[in-house]
Amino acid sequence: MQAWTDDRMDDLANRVDAGFARVDRQFERVDQQLEQQRVETTGQFERQRAEMNQRFEEQRTETNQRLEEQRADTHELLMAINKRIDMLFLAYLTSAFGVIAALIAS
């Protein structure tokens, strides 16, 4: 069995300390890599969010334009229907007055 002298104990302590220092440096590198990955991922998400917002806004604008066009078309059609109803009513009144005038004249 070997005896543990102070020199051997000091040597072991130094190697353990060096090992822990190496592990600490590795953890620092891992922490830096994780932070860099977090920053990159956050940037990617922000760019994706901005792109999605832009596309949603473009779609909203296009939808609003289509709705306005449909409203205008519907208004035109309703105005044309109103005009036809007015013409039919006028024709009805003219016919009614013609019949009334004919009855009075006879």
C-alpha atoms as a PDB file:
ATOM      1  CA  MET A   1       0.000   0.000   0.000  1.00  0.00           C
ATOM      2  CA  GLN A   2       1.245   3.448  -0.814  1.00  0.00           C
ATOM      3  CA  ALA A   3       1.529   6.199   1.688  1.00  0.00           C
ATOM      4  CA  TRP A   4      -0.006   9.594   0.970  1.00  0.00           C
ATOM      5  CA  THR A   5       2.602  12.189   1.582  1.00  0.00           C
ATOM      6  CA  ASP A   6       1.951  15.870   1.712  1.00  0.00           C
ATOM      7  CA  ASP A   7       3.539  16.245  -1.725  1.00  0.00           C
ATOM      8  CA  ARG A   8       1.275  13.571  -3.186  1.00  0.00           C
ATOM      9  CA  MET A   9      -1.768  15.131  -1.537  1.00  0.00           C
ATOM     10  CA  ASP A  10      -0.760  18.551  -2.892  1.00  0.00           C
ATOM     11  CA  ASP A  11      -0.235  17.021  -6.339  1.00  0.00           C
ATOM     12  CA  LEU A  12      -3.670  15.370  -6.193  1.00  0.00           C
ATOM     13  CA  ALA A  13      -5.276  18.607  -5.018  1.00  0.00           C
ATOM     14  CA  ASN A  14      -3.615  20.522  -7.872  1.00  0.00           C
ATOM     15  CA  ARG A  15      -4.810  17.970 -10.440  1.00  0.00           C
ATOM     16  CA  VAL A  16      -8.338  18.081  -9.033  1.00  0.00           C
ATOM     17  CA  ASP A  17      -8.277  21.883  -9.083  1.00  0.00           C
ATOM     18  CA  ALA A  18      -6.966  21.834 -12.669  1.00  0.00           C
ATOM     19  CA  GLY A  19      -9.705  19.380 -13.650  1.00  0.00           C
ATOM     20  CA  PHE A  20     -12.395  21.561 -12.099  1.00  0.00           C
ATOM     21  CA  ALA A  21     -10.909  24.617 -13.804  1.00  0.00           C
ATOM     22  CA  ARG A  22     -11.054  22.768 -17.140  1.00  0.00           C
ATOM     23  CA  VAL A  23     -14.666  21.766 -16.507  1.00  0.00           C
ATOM     24  CA  ASP A  24     -15.500  25.357 -15.531  1.00  0.00           C
ATOM     25  CA  ARG A  25     -13.997  26.600 -18.827  1.00  0.00           C
ATOM     26  CA  GLN A  26     -15.996  23.997 -20.741  1.00  0.00           C
ATOM     27  CA  PHE A  27     -19.180  25.092 -18.985  1.00  0.00           C
ATOM     28  CA  GLU A  28     -18.366  28.712 -19.822  1.00  0.00           C
ATOM     29  CA  ARG A  29     -18.002  27.747 -23.499  1.00  0.00           C
ATOM     30  CA  VAL A  30     -21.276  25.829 -23.377  1.00  0.00           C
ATOM     31  CA  ASP A  31     -22.969  28.776 -21.693  1.00  0.00           C
ATOM     32  CA  GLN A  32     -21.614  31.115 -24.386  1.00  0.00           C
ATOM     33  CA  GLN A  33     -22.786  28.766 -27.139  1.00  0.00           C
ATOM     34  CA  LEU A  34     -26.230  28.506 -25.570  1.00  0.00           C
ATOM     35  CA  GLU A  35     -26.460  32.279 -25.253  1.00  0.00           C
ATOM     36  CA  GLN A  36     -25.374  32.699 -28.870  1.00  0.00           C
ATOM     37  CA  GLN A  37     -27.973  30.123 -29.945  1.00  0.00           C
ATOM     38  CA  ARG A  38     -30.642  31.908 -27.881  1.00  0.00           C
ATOM     39  CA  VAL A  39     -29.782  35.236 -29.523  1.00  0.00           C
ATOM     40  CA  GLU A  40     -29.855  33.679 -32.999  1.00  0.00           C
ATOM     41  CA  THR A  41     -33.131  31.893 -32.306  1.00  0.00           C
ATOM     42  CA  THR A  42     -34.692  35.046 -30.903  1.00  0.00           C
ATOM     43  CA  GLY A  43     -33.611  36.935 -34.008  1.00  0.00           C
ATOM     44  CA  GLN A  44     -35.071  34.261 -36.256  1.00  0.00           C
ATOM     45  CA  PHE A  45     -38.364  34.361 -34.374  1.00  0.00           C
ATOM     46  CA  GLU A  46     -38.460  38.151 -34.576  1.00  0.00           C
ATOM     47  CA  ARG A  47     -37.806  38.084 -38.324  1.00  0.00           C
ATOM     48  CA  GLN A  48     -40.460  35.394 -38.775  1.00  0.00           C
ATOM     49  CA  ARG A  49     -42.943  37.382 -36.682  1.00  0.00           C
ATOM     50  CA  ALA A  50     -42.266  40.530 -38.720  1.00  0.00           C
ATOM     51  CA  GLU A  51     -42.717  38.625 -41.973  1.00  0.00           C
ATOM     52  CA  MET A  52     -45.970  37.092 -40.739  1.00  0.00           C
ATOM     53  CA  ASN A  53     -47.258  40.489 -39.582  1.00  0.00           C
ATOM     54  CA  GLN A  54     -46.417  41.974 -42.975  1.00  0.00           C
ATOM     55  CA  ARG A  55     -48.225  39.150 -44.785  1.00  0.00           C
ATOM     56  CA  PHE A  56     -51.248  39.468 -42.501  1.00  0.00           C
ATOM     57  CA  GLU A  57     -51.350  43.212 -43.139  1.00  0.00           C
ATOM     58  CA  GLU A  58     -51.088  42.655 -46.906  1.00  0.00           C
ATOM     59  CA  GLN A  59     -53.904  40.091 -46.716  1.00  0.00           C
ATOM     60  CA  ARG A  60     -56.017  42.433 -44.583  1.00  0.00           C
ATOM     61  CA  THR A  61     -55.477  45.267 -47.083  1.00  0.00           C
ATOM     62  CA  GLU A  62     -56.346  43.033 -50.026  1.00  0.00           C
ATOM     63  CA  THR A  63     -59.470  41.739 -48.264  1.00  0.00           C
ATOM     64  CA  ASN A  64     -60.583  45.290 -47.439  1.00  0.00           C
ATOM     65  CA  GLN A  65     -60.083  46.330 -51.060  1.00  0.00           C
ATOM     66  CA  ARG A  66     -62.162  43.392 -52.278  1.00  0.00           C
ATOM     67  CA  LEU A  67     -64.918  44.196 -49.791  1.00  0.00           C
ATOM     68  CA  GLU A  68     -64.985  47.821 -50.929  1.00  0.00           C
ATOM     69  CA  GLU A  69     -65.199  46.698 -54.566  1.00  0.00           C
ATOM     70  CA  GLN A  70     -68.037  44.327 -53.703  1.00  0.00           C
ATOM     71  CA  ARG A  71     -69.846  47.080 -51.785  1.00  0.00           C
ATOM     72  CA  ALA A  72     -69.514  49.383 -54.780  1.00  0.00           C
ATOM     73  CA  ASP A  73     -70.768  46.667 -57.153  1.00  0.00           C
ATOM     74  CA  THR A  74     -73.674  45.874 -54.821  1.00  0.00           C
ATOM     75  CA  HIS A  75     -74.557  49.564 -54.560  1.00  0.00           C
ATOM     76  CA  GLU A  76     -74.584  49.875 -58.347  1.00  0.00           C
ATOM     77  CA  LEU A  77     -76.812  46.819 -58.684  1.00  0.00           C
ATOM     78  CA  LEU A  78     -79.222  48.120 -56.052  1.00  0.00           C
ATOM     79  CA  MET A  79     -79.379  51.485 -57.769  1.00  0.00           C
ATOM     80  CA  ALA A  80     -80.148  49.751 -61.086  1.00  0.00           C
ATOM     81  CA  ILE A  81     -82.885  47.682 -59.407  1.00  0.00           C
ATOM     82  CA  ASN A  82     -84.339  50.838 -57.830  1.00  0.00           C
ATOM     83  CA  LYS A  83     -84.348  52.538 -61.211  1.00  0.00           C
ATOM     84  CA  ARG A  84     -86.196  49.606 -62.782  1.00  0.00           C
ATOM     85  CA  ILE A  85     -88.734  49.546 -59.959  1.00  0.00           C
ATOM     86  CA  ASP A  86     -89.271  53.283 -60.406  1.00  0.00           C
ATOM     87  CA  MET A  87     -89.776  52.782 -64.154  1.00  0.00           C
ATOM     88  CA  LEU A  88     -92.239  49.923 -63.551  1.00  0.00           C
ATOM     89  CA  PHE A  89     -94.151  52.023 -61.026  1.00  0.00           C
ATOM     90  CA  LEU A  90     -94.256  54.920 -63.462  1.00  0.00           C
ATOM     91  CA  ALA A  91     -95.518  52.579 -66.196  1.00  0.00           C
ATOM     92  CA  TYR A  92     -98.142  51.204 -63.788  1.00  0.00           C
ATOM     93  CA  LEU A  93     -99.307  54.707 -62.854  1.00  0.00           C
ATOM     94  CA  THR A  94     -99.417  55.751 -66.508  1.00  0.00           C
ATOM     95  CA  SER A  95    -101.470  52.683 -67.359  1.00  0.00           C
ATOM     96  CA  ALA A  96    -103.755  53.232 -64.384  1.00  0.00           C
ATOM     97  CA  PHE A  97    -104.338  56.884 -65.337  1.00  0.00           C
ATOM     98  CA  GLY A  98    -104.965  55.794 -68.945  1.00  0.00           C
ATOM     99  CA  VAL A  99    -107.570  53.269 -67.824  1.00  0.00           C
ATOM    100  CA  ILE A 100    -109.181  55.797 -65.477  1.00  0.00           C
ATOM    101  CA  ALA A 101    -109.226  58.434 -68.225  1.00  0.00           C
ATOM    102  CA  ALA A 102    -110.767  55.951 -70.662  1.00  0.00           C
ATOM    103  CA  LEU A 103    -113.439  54.986 -68.140  1.00  0.00           C
ATOM    104  CA  ILE A 104    -114.256  58.630 -67.435  1.00  0.00           C
ATOM    105  CA  ALA A 105    -114.382  59.437 -71.144  1.00  0.00           C
ATOM    106  CA  SER A 106    -116.785  56.640 -71.935  1.00  0.00           C
END
